[in-house]
Amino acid sequence: MDSLGESKESKDIVNARRDLFSVLESNKQSIVLEVLKEFWDSAGKETFPKELIVRLTYLEEVSEEEYPEQGLISEGSLRFFLHFIQWLTRFPTFDYPDVVLTPEGNISAIWKPAKNRYFDLEFLKDGVVRFVGSYPGTKVPSKMIRFSGRATIDNLLEASRFPHILGWDRIPS
């Protein structure tokens, strides 16, 4: 706590929001902000966490600095990621992922809810998702179950066991 009784965490939240809104109000060309504006128009501004918006705009800025000749972030990957996150918010114990940008410009969402659980989704621009994960076996917890593959987002949502892998309560109806 500082002399005014504010915690460092609350100051960080205020600063992140101020930074976010200054970016949103700027006239800077941004794929992230253009796609988010479309997303907000259809889904509402409160449906997407500000922390992820700040992270995505940061990744876009860094990619522009490192690769100025190519807009590295993939618009298709971003769109599929946003829709996936919107779907995930239906889980009662949902946790937001760590988000990174791959060298190909795709968004990768990574969950590590426990030392023995891991799930990574890479959103490709054509609606396909590459995934890899691991979790303890139910009969022999010391033996890890590992899996990887490719699927469309719809098929992944329909067939995947990732809510179990991440320890979330149940799949919504």
N, C-alpha and C. Protein backbone atom coordinates (compact mmCIF):
# COMPACT_ATOMS: atom_id res chain seq x y z
N MET A 1 0.84 -1.19 0.00
CA MET A 1 0.00 0.00 0.00
C MET A 1 0.88 1.25 0.00
N ASP A 2 0.43 2.25 -0.72
CA ASP A 2 1.17 3.51 -0.71
C ASP A 2 0.57 4.45 0.34
N SER A 3 1.03 5.69 0.36
CA SER A 3 0.57 6.64 1.37
C SER A 3 -0.91 6.99 1.21
N LEU A 4 -1.48 6.78 0.04
CA LEU A 4 -2.90 7.05 -0.18
C LEU A 4 -3.77 5.82 0.04
N GLY A 5 -3.16 4.71 0.43
CA GLY A 5 -3.92 3.50 0.70
C GLY A 5 -4.26 2.67 -0.52
N GLU A 6 -3.58 2.94 -1.65
CA GLU A 6 -3.83 2.18 -2.86
C GLU A 6 -2.78 1.09 -3.01
N SER A 7 -3.23 -0.08 -3.40
CA SER A 7 -2.29 -1.18 -3.61
C SER A 7 -1.61 -1.04 -4.96
N LYS A 8 -0.44 -1.66 -5.09
CA LYS A 8 0.28 -1.67 -6.36
C LYS A 8 -0.57 -2.32 -7.44
N GLU A 9 -1.31 -3.38 -7.07
CA GLU A 9 -2.15 -4.09 -8.04
C GLU A 9 -3.24 -3.18 -8.61
N SER A 10 -3.90 -2.39 -7.75
CA SER A 10 -4.95 -1.51 -8.26
C SER A 10 -4.35 -0.40 -9.13
N LYS A 11 -3.16 0.08 -8.79
CA LYS A 11 -2.50 1.08 -9.64
C LYS A 11 -2.14 0.49 -11.00
N ASP A 12 -1.67 -0.77 -11.00
CA ASP A 12 -1.34 -1.43 -12.27
C ASP A 12 -2.58 -1.57 -13.14
N ILE A 13 -3.72 -1.91 -12.54
CA ILE A 13 -4.97 -2.04 -13.30
C ILE A 13 -5.37 -0.70 -13.89
N VAL A 14 -5.30 0.35 -13.09
CA VAL A 14 -5.65 1.69 -13.57
C VAL A 14 -4.73 2.10 -14.71
N ASN A 15 -3.41 1.87 -14.56
CA ASN A 15 -2.46 2.23 -15.61
C ASN A 15 -2.70 1.44 -16.88
N ALA A 16 -3.01 0.14 -16.75
CA ALA A 16 -3.28 -0.69 -17.94
C ALA A 16 -4.52 -0.19 -18.66
N ARG A 17 -5.55 0.17 -17.92
CA ARG A 17 -6.77 0.68 -18.55
C ARG A 17 -6.51 2.03 -19.23
N ARG A 18 -5.74 2.91 -18.57
CA ARG A 18 -5.42 4.20 -19.17
C ARG A 18 -4.64 3.99 -20.46
N ASP A 19 -3.66 3.08 -20.45
CA ASP A 19 -2.89 2.78 -21.65
C ASP A 19 -3.80 2.22 -22.74
N LEU A 20 -4.71 1.33 -22.36
CA LEU A 20 -5.63 0.73 -23.33
C LEU A 20 -6.47 1.81 -23.99
N PHE A 21 -7.08 2.69 -23.20
CA PHE A 21 -7.96 3.68 -23.77
C PHE A 21 -7.19 4.71 -24.59
N SER A 22 -5.95 5.01 -24.24
CA SER A 22 -5.17 5.93 -25.07
C SER A 22 -4.87 5.29 -26.42
N VAL A 23 -4.62 3.96 -26.44
CA VAL A 23 -4.41 3.26 -27.70
C VAL A 23 -5.70 3.25 -28.51
N LEU A 24 -6.82 2.96 -27.86
CA LEU A 24 -8.10 2.89 -28.56
C LEU A 24 -8.50 4.23 -29.16
N GLU A 25 -8.11 5.33 -28.50
CA GLU A 25 -8.48 6.66 -28.97
C GLU A 25 -7.51 7.20 -30.02
N SER A 26 -6.37 6.57 -30.17
CA SER A 26 -5.39 7.06 -31.15
C SER A 26 -5.87 6.74 -32.56
N ASN A 27 -5.30 7.42 -33.53
CA ASN A 27 -5.65 7.19 -34.93
C ASN A 27 -4.76 6.15 -35.58
N LYS A 28 -3.98 5.46 -34.79
CA LYS A 28 -3.02 4.48 -35.29
C LYS A 28 -3.73 3.33 -35.99
N GLN A 29 -3.21 2.92 -37.15
CA GLN A 29 -3.75 1.76 -37.85
C GLN A 29 -3.38 0.51 -37.07
N SER A 30 -4.35 -0.31 -36.76
CA SER A 30 -4.10 -1.50 -35.97
C SER A 30 -5.08 -2.59 -36.37
N ILE A 31 -4.55 -3.72 -36.81
CA ILE A 31 -5.41 -4.86 -37.13
C ILE A 31 -6.15 -5.29 -35.88
N VAL A 32 -5.45 -5.36 -34.76
CA VAL A 32 -6.08 -5.79 -33.51
C VAL A 32 -7.27 -4.90 -33.18
N LEU A 33 -7.07 -3.59 -33.24
CA LEU A 33 -8.15 -2.68 -32.87
C LEU A 33 -9.29 -2.70 -33.88
N GLU A 34 -8.99 -2.85 -35.16
CA GLU A 34 -10.05 -2.94 -36.16
C GLU A 34 -10.91 -4.18 -35.95
N VAL A 35 -10.27 -5.31 -35.72
CA VAL A 35 -11.01 -6.55 -35.50
C VAL A 35 -11.78 -6.48 -34.19
N LEU A 36 -11.17 -5.92 -33.15
CA LEU A 36 -11.87 -5.78 -31.87
C LEU A 36 -13.09 -4.88 -32.00
N LYS A 37 -12.98 -3.81 -32.79
CA LYS A 37 -14.13 -2.93 -32.99
C LYS A 37 -15.28 -3.70 -33.62
N GLU A 38 -14.99 -4.49 -34.66
CA GLU A 38 -16.04 -5.32 -35.28
C GLU A 38 -16.61 -6.31 -34.27
N PHE A 39 -15.73 -6.92 -33.50
CA PHE A 39 -16.15 -7.90 -32.49
C PHE A 39 -17.05 -7.24 -31.46
N TRP A 40 -16.65 -6.07 -30.98
CA TRP A 40 -17.45 -5.36 -29.99
C TRP A 40 -18.81 -4.95 -30.55
N ASP A 41 -18.83 -4.52 -31.82
CA ASP A 41 -20.10 -4.11 -32.42
C ASP A 41 -21.10 -5.27 -32.43
N SER A 42 -20.60 -6.49 -32.60
CA SER A 42 -21.50 -7.64 -32.65
C SER A 42 -21.72 -8.29 -31.28
N ALA A 43 -20.73 -8.22 -30.39
CA ALA A 43 -20.83 -8.96 -29.13
C ALA A 43 -20.92 -8.08 -27.89
N GLY A 44 -20.57 -6.83 -27.99
CA GLY A 44 -20.59 -5.95 -26.82
C GLY A 44 -19.20 -5.81 -26.22
N LYS A 45 -18.86 -4.59 -25.79
CA LYS A 45 -17.51 -4.31 -25.29
C LYS A 45 -17.14 -5.08 -24.04
N GLU A 46 -18.09 -5.43 -23.22
CA GLU A 46 -17.77 -6.08 -21.95
C GLU A 46 -17.52 -7.58 -22.09
N THR A 47 -17.60 -8.11 -23.31
CA THR A 47 -17.45 -9.55 -23.48
C THR A 47 -16.00 -9.98 -23.65
N PHE A 48 -15.09 -9.06 -23.67
CA PHE A 48 -13.69 -9.42 -23.87
C PHE A 48 -12.84 -8.69 -22.84
N PRO A 49 -11.97 -9.40 -22.14
CA PRO A 49 -11.21 -8.79 -21.04
C PRO A 49 -10.17 -7.78 -21.52
N LYS A 50 -10.11 -6.69 -20.81
CA LYS A 50 -9.18 -5.62 -21.17
C LYS A 50 -7.72 -6.08 -21.10
N GLU A 51 -7.41 -7.02 -20.20
CA GLU A 51 -6.04 -7.50 -20.08
C GLU A 51 -5.57 -8.16 -21.38
N LEU A 52 -6.47 -8.92 -22.02
CA LEU A 52 -6.11 -9.56 -23.28
C LEU A 52 -6.00 -8.55 -24.41
N ILE A 53 -6.81 -7.52 -24.36
CA ILE A 53 -6.72 -6.46 -25.38
C ILE A 53 -5.37 -5.77 -25.28
N VAL A 54 -4.97 -5.44 -24.07
CA VAL A 54 -3.67 -4.81 -23.85
C VAL A 54 -2.56 -5.73 -24.36
N ARG A 55 -2.65 -7.01 -24.05
CA ARG A 55 -1.62 -7.97 -24.48
C ARG A 55 -1.58 -8.07 -26.00
N LEU A 56 -2.73 -8.16 -26.65
CA LEU A 56 -2.77 -8.28 -28.11
C LEU A 56 -2.21 -7.03 -28.80
N THR A 57 -2.56 -5.86 -28.30
CA THR A 57 -2.02 -4.63 -28.91
C THR A 57 -0.52 -4.54 -28.68
N TYR A 58 -0.05 -5.00 -27.52
CA TYR A 58 1.39 -5.03 -27.26
C TYR A 58 2.10 -5.97 -28.24
N LEU A 59 1.55 -7.17 -28.44
CA LEU A 59 2.15 -8.12 -29.38
C LEU A 59 2.19 -7.54 -30.79
N GLU A 60 1.13 -6.83 -31.17
CA GLU A 60 1.11 -6.22 -32.49
C GLU A 60 2.20 -5.16 -32.62
N GLU A 61 2.36 -4.32 -31.60
CA GLU A 61 3.39 -3.28 -31.64
C GLU A 61 4.79 -3.88 -31.72
N VAL A 62 5.05 -4.90 -30.92
CA VAL A 62 6.36 -5.55 -30.92
C VAL A 62 6.64 -6.18 -32.28
N SER A 63 5.63 -6.82 -32.86
CA SER A 63 5.84 -7.46 -34.16
C SER A 63 6.12 -6.42 -35.24
N GLU A 64 5.50 -5.25 -35.14
CA GLU A 64 5.76 -4.18 -36.11
C GLU A 64 7.19 -3.66 -35.98
N GLU A 65 7.69 -3.60 -34.75
CA GLU A 65 9.07 -3.14 -34.53
C GLU A 65 10.07 -4.16 -35.07
N GLU A 66 9.80 -5.44 -34.83
CA GLU A 66 10.74 -6.48 -35.25
C GLU A 66 10.65 -6.80 -36.74
N TYR A 67 9.47 -6.69 -37.31
CA TYR A 67 9.24 -7.03 -38.72
C TYR A 67 8.47 -5.89 -39.39
N PRO A 68 9.09 -4.72 -39.57
CA PRO A 68 8.35 -3.56 -40.10
C PRO A 68 7.83 -3.75 -41.53
N GLU A 69 8.49 -4.62 -42.30
CA GLU A 69 8.07 -4.81 -43.69
C GLU A 69 6.85 -5.71 -43.84
N GLN A 70 6.48 -6.41 -42.78
CA GLN A 70 5.31 -7.28 -42.87
C GLN A 70 4.45 -7.11 -41.62
N GLY A 71 3.17 -6.94 -41.80
CA GLY A 71 2.27 -6.91 -40.66
C GLY A 71 2.15 -8.32 -40.12
N LEU A 72 2.86 -8.63 -39.08
CA LEU A 72 3.03 -10.01 -38.67
C LEU A 72 1.77 -10.66 -38.12
N ILE A 73 0.94 -9.93 -37.39
CA ILE A 73 -0.22 -10.58 -36.76
C ILE A 73 -1.25 -10.95 -37.83
N SER A 74 -1.73 -12.18 -37.77
CA SER A 74 -2.68 -12.69 -38.75
C SER A 74 -4.10 -12.30 -38.35
N GLU A 75 -4.78 -11.59 -39.23
CA GLU A 75 -6.15 -11.15 -38.95
C GLU A 75 -7.09 -12.34 -38.77
N GLY A 76 -6.94 -13.36 -39.61
CA GLY A 76 -7.78 -14.56 -39.48
C GLY A 76 -7.56 -15.25 -38.15
N SER A 77 -6.30 -15.39 -37.75
CA SER A 77 -5.97 -16.01 -36.47
C SER A 77 -6.61 -15.23 -35.33
N LEU A 78 -6.52 -13.91 -35.40
CA LEU A 78 -7.11 -13.06 -34.36
C LEU A 78 -8.62 -13.24 -34.28
N ARG A 79 -9.29 -13.27 -35.42
CA ARG A 79 -10.75 -13.44 -35.42
C ARG A 79 -11.17 -14.76 -34.78
N PHE A 80 -10.50 -15.84 -35.16
CA PHE A 80 -10.86 -17.14 -34.59
C PHE A 80 -10.54 -17.20 -33.10
N PHE A 81 -9.45 -16.57 -32.69
CA PHE A 81 -9.11 -16.52 -31.27
C PHE A 81 -10.19 -15.78 -30.48
N LEU A 82 -10.64 -14.63 -30.98
CA LEU A 82 -11.67 -13.86 -30.27
C LEU A 82 -12.96 -14.65 -30.10
N HIS A 83 -13.37 -15.33 -31.16
CA HIS A 83 -14.61 -16.12 -31.07
C HIS A 83 -14.44 -17.29 -30.11
N PHE A 84 -13.27 -17.88 -30.09
CA PHE A 84 -12.99 -18.98 -29.17
C PHE A 84 -13.05 -18.49 -27.72
N ILE A 85 -12.44 -17.35 -27.44
CA ILE A 85 -12.46 -16.80 -26.08
C ILE A 85 -13.89 -16.49 -25.67
N GLN A 86 -14.67 -15.94 -26.58
CA GLN A 86 -16.07 -15.65 -26.27
C GLN A 86 -16.81 -16.94 -25.90
N TRP A 87 -16.56 -18.02 -26.62
CA TRP A 87 -17.19 -19.31 -26.31
C TRP A 87 -16.74 -19.80 -24.94
N LEU A 88 -15.46 -19.66 -24.62
CA LEU A 88 -14.93 -20.17 -23.35
C LEU A 88 -15.50 -19.47 -22.13
N THR A 89 -15.96 -18.25 -22.28
CA THR A 89 -16.48 -17.52 -21.13
C THR A 89 -17.75 -18.16 -20.57
N ARG A 90 -18.30 -19.15 -21.26
CA ARG A 90 -19.48 -19.86 -20.75
C ARG A 90 -19.13 -20.85 -19.65
N PHE A 91 -17.85 -21.15 -19.46
CA PHE A 91 -17.44 -22.07 -18.40
C PHE A 91 -17.39 -21.33 -17.08
N PRO A 92 -17.94 -21.93 -16.01
CA PRO A 92 -17.97 -21.22 -14.73
C PRO A 92 -16.59 -21.02 -14.11
N THR A 93 -15.64 -21.87 -14.41
CA THR A 93 -14.30 -21.73 -13.81
C THR A 93 -13.25 -21.38 -14.85
N PHE A 94 -13.67 -20.70 -15.89
CA PHE A 94 -12.80 -20.33 -17.00
C PHE A 94 -11.64 -19.45 -16.54
N ASP A 95 -10.45 -19.75 -17.03
CA ASP A 95 -9.26 -18.92 -16.82
C ASP A 95 -8.75 -18.47 -18.18
N TYR A 96 -8.34 -17.20 -18.27
CA TYR A 96 -7.80 -16.71 -19.52
C TYR A 96 -6.40 -17.26 -19.74
N PRO A 97 -6.04 -17.48 -21.00
CA PRO A 97 -4.73 -18.05 -21.30
C PRO A 97 -3.64 -16.99 -21.34
N ASP A 98 -2.40 -17.47 -21.32
CA ASP A 98 -1.28 -16.62 -21.71
C ASP A 98 -1.33 -16.57 -23.23
N VAL A 99 -1.03 -15.43 -23.80
CA VAL A 99 -1.14 -15.27 -25.25
C VAL A 99 0.22 -14.86 -25.81
N VAL A 100 0.65 -15.57 -26.85
CA VAL A 100 1.89 -15.24 -27.54
C VAL A 100 1.62 -15.21 -29.04
N LEU A 101 2.55 -14.64 -29.77
CA LEU A 101 2.47 -14.56 -31.22
C LEU A 101 3.54 -15.47 -31.80
N THR A 102 3.15 -16.35 -32.71
CA THR A 102 4.11 -17.26 -33.33
C THR A 102 4.89 -16.52 -34.42
N PRO A 103 6.02 -17.06 -34.88
CA PRO A 103 6.76 -16.42 -35.96
C PRO A 103 5.94 -16.27 -37.25
N GLU A 104 4.91 -17.11 -37.41
CA GLU A 104 4.05 -17.01 -38.60
C GLU A 104 2.96 -15.96 -38.43
N GLY A 105 2.87 -15.34 -37.26
CA GLY A 105 1.86 -14.31 -37.02
C GLY A 105 0.56 -14.85 -36.45
N ASN A 106 0.54 -16.11 -36.05
CA ASN A 106 -0.66 -16.69 -35.46
C ASN A 106 -0.68 -16.47 -33.96
N ILE A 107 -1.88 -16.43 -33.42
CA ILE A 107 -2.04 -16.30 -31.98
C ILE A 107 -2.03 -17.68 -31.36
N SER A 108 -1.26 -17.82 -30.31
CA SER A 108 -1.19 -19.07 -29.56
C SER A 108 -1.67 -18.79 -28.14
N ALA A 109 -2.65 -19.58 -27.68
CA ALA A 109 -3.20 -19.45 -26.33
C ALA A 109 -2.70 -20.63 -25.51
N ILE A 110 -2.12 -20.33 -24.36
CA ILE A 110 -1.49 -21.38 -23.55
C ILE A 110 -2.06 -21.35 -22.14
N TRP A 111 -2.50 -22.53 -21.70
CA TRP A 111 -2.97 -22.71 -20.33
C TRP A 111 -2.04 -23.68 -19.62
N LYS A 112 -1.63 -23.31 -18.41
CA LYS A 112 -0.86 -24.21 -17.54
C LYS A 112 -1.47 -24.09 -16.14
N PRO A 113 -2.64 -24.68 -15.95
CA PRO A 113 -3.33 -24.51 -14.66
C PRO A 113 -2.66 -25.23 -13.50
N ALA A 114 -1.82 -26.20 -13.80
CA ALA A 114 -1.10 -26.94 -12.76
C ALA A 114 0.19 -27.46 -13.37
N LYS A 115 1.09 -27.89 -12.50
CA LYS A 115 2.38 -28.39 -12.97
C LYS A 115 2.22 -29.57 -13.94
N ASN A 116 1.18 -30.35 -13.75
CA ASN A 116 0.99 -31.54 -14.57
C ASN A 116 -0.11 -31.40 -15.63
N ARG A 117 -0.54 -30.19 -15.92
CA ARG A 117 -1.56 -29.96 -16.95
C ARG A 117 -1.09 -28.84 -17.87
N TYR A 118 -1.30 -29.04 -19.17
CA TYR A 118 -0.83 -28.08 -20.16
C TYR A 118 -1.75 -28.17 -21.38
N PHE A 119 -2.08 -27.02 -21.95
CA PHE A 119 -2.88 -27.02 -23.17
C PHE A 119 -2.50 -25.80 -23.99
N ASP A 120 -2.19 -26.00 -25.26
CA ASP A 120 -1.76 -24.92 -26.14
C ASP A 120 -2.55 -25.02 -27.44
N LEU A 121 -3.16 -23.91 -27.83
CA LEU A 121 -3.89 -23.83 -29.09
C LEU A 121 -3.24 -22.77 -29.96
N GLU A 122 -2.92 -23.12 -31.20
CA GLU A 122 -2.43 -22.13 -32.16
C GLU A 122 -3.53 -21.93 -33.19
N PHE A 123 -4.03 -20.71 -33.30
CA PHE A 123 -5.13 -20.39 -34.20
C PHE A 123 -4.56 -19.99 -35.56
N LEU A 124 -4.83 -20.80 -36.58
CA LEU A 124 -4.37 -20.51 -37.92
C LEU A 124 -5.38 -19.61 -38.62
N LYS A 125 -4.95 -18.95 -39.70
CA LYS A 125 -5.82 -17.96 -40.34
C LYS A 125 -7.02 -18.57 -41.06
N ASP A 126 -6.99 -19.88 -41.33
CA ASP A 126 -8.08 -20.50 -42.07
C ASP A 126 -9.10 -21.21 -41.18
N GLY A 127 -9.05 -20.99 -39.87
CA GLY A 127 -10.02 -21.60 -38.97
C GLY A 127 -9.59 -22.94 -38.42
N VAL A 128 -8.40 -23.37 -38.78
CA VAL A 128 -7.85 -24.61 -38.24
C VAL A 128 -7.05 -24.26 -36.99
N VAL A 129 -7.08 -25.17 -36.02
CA VAL A 129 -6.34 -24.99 -34.78
C VAL A 129 -5.36 -26.13 -34.63
N ARG A 130 -4.10 -25.79 -34.35
CA ARG A 130 -3.12 -26.80 -33.94
C ARG A 130 -3.16 -26.85 -32.43
N PHE A 131 -3.16 -28.06 -31.88
CA PHE A 131 -3.23 -28.16 -30.43
C PHE A 131 -2.27 -29.21 -29.90
N VAL A 132 -1.85 -28.99 -28.66
CA VAL A 132 -1.00 -29.94 -27.95
C VAL A 132 -1.34 -29.80 -26.47
N GLY A 133 -1.33 -30.92 -25.77
CA GLY A 133 -1.64 -30.86 -24.35
C GLY A 133 -1.23 -32.11 -23.62
N SER A 134 -1.33 -32.05 -22.31
CA SER A 134 -1.06 -33.21 -21.47
C SER A 134 -1.79 -33.05 -20.15
N TYR A 135 -2.13 -34.20 -19.56
CA TYR A 135 -2.76 -34.23 -18.25
C TYR A 135 -2.55 -35.61 -17.64
N PRO A 136 -2.71 -35.73 -16.31
CA PRO A 136 -2.46 -37.02 -15.67
C PRO A 136 -3.54 -38.04 -16.02
N GLY A 137 -3.13 -39.29 -16.16
CA GLY A 137 -4.10 -40.35 -16.39
C GLY A 137 -4.99 -40.54 -15.18
N THR A 138 -6.23 -40.98 -15.40
CA THR A 138 -7.16 -41.15 -14.28
C THR A 138 -6.83 -42.38 -13.45
N LYS A 139 -6.38 -43.44 -14.08
CA LYS A 139 -6.06 -44.67 -13.32
C LYS A 139 -4.66 -44.63 -12.73
N VAL A 140 -3.72 -44.09 -13.48
CA VAL A 140 -2.33 -43.99 -13.00
C VAL A 140 -1.89 -42.53 -13.20
N PRO A 141 -2.15 -41.67 -12.21
CA PRO A 141 -1.86 -40.24 -12.36
C PRO A 141 -0.40 -39.92 -12.68
N SER A 142 0.52 -40.82 -12.34
CA SER A 142 1.92 -40.54 -12.63
C SER A 142 2.24 -40.72 -14.12
N LYS A 143 1.36 -41.36 -14.86
CA LYS A 143 1.52 -41.54 -16.31
C LYS A 143 0.73 -40.45 -17.03
N MET A 144 1.45 -39.60 -17.72
CA MET A 144 0.81 -38.48 -18.40
C MET A 144 0.17 -38.92 -19.72
N ILE A 145 -0.99 -38.34 -20.00
CA ILE A 145 -1.64 -38.52 -21.30
C ILE A 145 -1.25 -37.30 -22.13
N ARG A 146 -0.64 -37.55 -23.27
CA ARG A 146 -0.21 -36.46 -24.16
C ARG A 146 -0.94 -36.60 -25.48
N PHE A 147 -1.30 -35.46 -26.06
CA PHE A 147 -2.02 -35.49 -27.32
C PHE A 147 -1.67 -34.25 -28.14
N SER A 148 -1.85 -34.35 -29.43
CA SER A 148 -1.64 -33.21 -30.32
C SER A 148 -2.41 -33.47 -31.60
N GLY A 149 -2.63 -32.43 -32.36
CA GLY A 149 -3.33 -32.60 -33.62
C GLY A 149 -3.73 -31.29 -34.24
N ARG A 150 -4.58 -31.41 -35.23
CA ARG A 150 -5.14 -30.27 -35.95
C ARG A 150 -6.63 -30.52 -36.11
N ALA A 151 -7.42 -29.48 -36.02
CA ALA A 151 -8.86 -29.61 -36.21
C ALA A 151 -9.42 -28.23 -36.52
N THR A 152 -10.61 -28.20 -37.09
CA THR A 152 -11.29 -26.92 -37.19
C THR A 152 -11.73 -26.54 -35.78
N ILE A 153 -11.98 -25.28 -35.57
CA ILE A 153 -12.39 -24.85 -34.24
C ILE A 153 -13.69 -25.54 -33.84
N ASP A 154 -14.65 -25.64 -34.75
CA ASP A 154 -15.92 -26.29 -34.43
C ASP A 154 -15.71 -27.73 -33.98
N ASN A 155 -14.89 -28.47 -34.71
CA ASN A 155 -14.64 -29.87 -34.34
C ASN A 155 -13.89 -29.96 -33.02
N LEU A 156 -12.97 -29.05 -32.79
CA LEU A 156 -12.24 -29.06 -31.53
C LEU A 156 -13.18 -28.84 -30.36
N LEU A 157 -14.07 -27.87 -30.49
CA LEU A 157 -15.01 -27.58 -29.41
C LEU A 157 -15.95 -28.75 -29.17
N GLU A 158 -16.34 -29.41 -30.24
CA GLU A 158 -17.27 -30.53 -30.12
C GLU A 158 -16.61 -31.76 -29.50
N ALA A 159 -15.39 -32.06 -29.90
CA ALA A 159 -14.77 -33.33 -29.52
C ALA A 159 -13.74 -33.23 -28.41
N SER A 160 -13.27 -32.06 -28.13
CA SER A 160 -12.13 -31.92 -27.22
C SER A 160 -12.50 -32.19 -25.77
N ARG A 161 -11.53 -32.68 -25.05
CA ARG A 161 -11.66 -32.87 -23.61
C ARG A 161 -10.92 -31.76 -22.85
N PHE A 162 -10.61 -30.65 -23.51
CA PHE A 162 -9.77 -29.67 -22.84
C PHE A 162 -10.37 -29.09 -21.56
N PRO A 163 -11.71 -28.99 -21.40
CA PRO A 163 -12.19 -28.52 -20.09
C PRO A 163 -11.74 -29.45 -18.96
N HIS A 164 -11.75 -30.75 -19.21
CA HIS A 164 -11.27 -31.72 -18.22
C HIS A 164 -9.76 -31.54 -17.99
N ILE A 165 -9.04 -31.35 -19.05
CA ILE A 165 -7.59 -31.19 -18.96
C ILE A 165 -7.24 -29.99 -18.09
N LEU A 166 -8.00 -28.93 -18.24
CA LEU A 166 -7.71 -27.71 -17.51
C LEU A 166 -8.34 -27.67 -16.13
N GLY A 167 -9.15 -28.68 -15.81
CA GLY A 167 -9.77 -28.73 -14.50
C GLY A 167 -11.01 -27.86 -14.39
N TRP A 168 -11.63 -27.49 -15.51
CA TRP A 168 -12.85 -26.70 -15.46
C TRP A 168 -14.01 -27.63 -15.15
N ASP A 169 -15.08 -27.08 -14.62
CA ASP A 169 -16.19 -27.90 -14.11
C ASP A 169 -16.86 -28.79 -15.14
N ARG A 170 -17.41 -28.22 -16.18
CA ARG A 170 -18.20 -29.02 -17.11
C ARG A 170 -18.29 -28.31 -18.45
N ILE A 171 -18.68 -29.05 -19.45
CA ILE A 171 -18.90 -28.46 -20.77
C ILE A 171 -20.30 -27.87 -20.78
N PRO A 172 -20.45 -26.61 -21.22
CA PRO A 172 -21.78 -25.99 -21.22
C PRO A 172 -22.68 -26.60 -22.27
N SER A 173 -23.97 -26.48 -22.04
CA SER A 173 -24.93 -27.01 -23.02
C SER A 173 -25.22 -25.99 -24.09
